[in-house]
């Protein structure tokens, strides 16, 4: 699955040079923003959104291997801070 900063180089090549330069600059700016603040690109899946929606002092996220528990919990701590 392509990431948010992936591009189709064939389609980019079809653009006029000025628009190619503008598109590449926009991608560089987005990449800089992502590196400066990775939370800008956090996209919780449906179960993570439910978890973030609870306003309880104590919460538990139970899930299988690689289900996003650590990411969700870490982000939730930042949101609550």
Protein backbone atom coordinates (compact mmCIF):
# COMPACT_ATOMS: atom_id res chain seq x y z
CA UNK A 1 0.00 0.00 0.00
CA UNK A 2 1.45 3.39 -0.94
CA UNK A 3 2.28 5.77 1.85
CA UNK A 4 1.07 9.37 2.06
CA UNK A 5 4.21 10.70 0.36
CA UNK A 6 4.48 8.17 -2.46
CA UNK A 7 4.06 9.52 -5.97
CA UNK A 8 3.54 8.19 -9.46
CA UNK A 9 6.69 9.25 -11.28
CA UNK A 10 5.14 8.57 -14.69
CA UNK A 11 2.27 10.96 -13.97
CA UNK A 12 4.70 13.50 -12.54
CA UNK A 13 6.71 13.39 -15.77
CA UNK A 14 3.56 14.35 -17.72
CA UNK A 15 3.28 17.66 -15.86
CA UNK A 16 4.89 20.83 -17.15
CA UNK A 17 8.30 21.51 -15.57
CA UNK A 18 6.93 24.34 -13.40
CA UNK A 19 4.23 22.07 -11.96
CA UNK A 20 6.72 19.23 -11.47
CA UNK A 21 8.94 21.55 -9.44
CA UNK A 22 5.95 22.75 -7.38
CA UNK A 23 4.82 19.15 -6.72
CA UNK A 24 8.30 18.06 -5.66
CA UNK A 25 8.61 21.07 -3.35
CA UNK A 26 5.23 20.25 -1.79
CA UNK A 27 6.36 16.64 -1.21
CA UNK A 28 9.62 17.82 0.36
CA UNK A 29 7.67 20.19 2.63
CA UNK A 30 5.34 17.37 3.67
CA UNK A 31 8.27 15.06 4.35
CA UNK A 32 9.92 17.77 6.47
CA UNK A 33 6.67 18.26 8.42
CA UNK A 34 6.33 14.49 8.91
CA UNK A 35 9.85 14.22 10.27
CA UNK A 36 9.34 17.23 12.54
CA UNK A 37 6.02 15.95 13.91
CA UNK A 38 5.11 12.33 13.04
CA UNK A 39 1.75 12.77 14.79
CA UNK A 40 0.57 14.81 11.81
CA UNK A 41 0.35 11.60 9.80
CA UNK A 42 -1.12 9.32 12.49
CA UNK A 43 -4.24 7.71 11.06
CA UNK A 44 -5.88 5.49 13.68
CA UNK A 45 -7.83 2.49 12.46
CA UNK A 46 -11.43 1.99 13.61
CA UNK A 47 -10.63 0.25 16.92
CA UNK A 48 -8.00 2.86 17.78
CA UNK A 49 -10.50 5.66 17.11
CA UNK A 50 -12.93 4.01 19.55
CA UNK A 51 -10.17 3.75 22.15
CA UNK A 52 -9.20 7.42 21.74
CA UNK A 53 -12.86 8.39 22.11
CA UNK A 54 -13.16 7.08 25.68
CA UNK A 55 -12.56 9.74 28.33
CA UNK A 56 -11.71 7.45 31.20
CA UNK A 57 -8.78 7.71 33.59
CA UNK A 58 -7.97 4.03 33.08
CA UNK A 59 -8.27 2.32 29.71
CA UNK A 60 -7.13 -0.99 28.31
CA UNK A 61 -6.57 -1.91 24.68
CA UNK A 62 -6.57 -5.66 24.14
CA UNK A 63 -5.58 -6.96 20.74
CA UNK A 64 -3.51 -9.44 18.85
CA UNK A 65 0.05 -9.20 17.62
CA UNK A 66 0.72 -6.06 15.54
CA UNK A 67 -2.78 -4.63 16.17
CA UNK A 68 -1.51 -1.14 17.02
CA UNK A 69 -1.74 -1.32 20.82
CA UNK A 70 1.60 0.36 21.54
CA UNK A 71 1.14 3.11 18.98
CA UNK A 72 -2.41 3.77 20.13
CA UNK A 73 -1.47 3.81 23.81
CA UNK A 74 1.51 6.09 23.23
CA UNK A 75 -0.49 8.54 21.15
CA UNK A 76 -3.32 8.47 23.69
CA UNK A 77 -0.87 9.43 26.45
CA UNK A 78 0.25 12.39 24.34
CA UNK A 79 -3.36 13.39 23.65
CA UNK A 80 -4.22 13.21 27.37
CA UNK A 81 -1.13 15.17 28.46
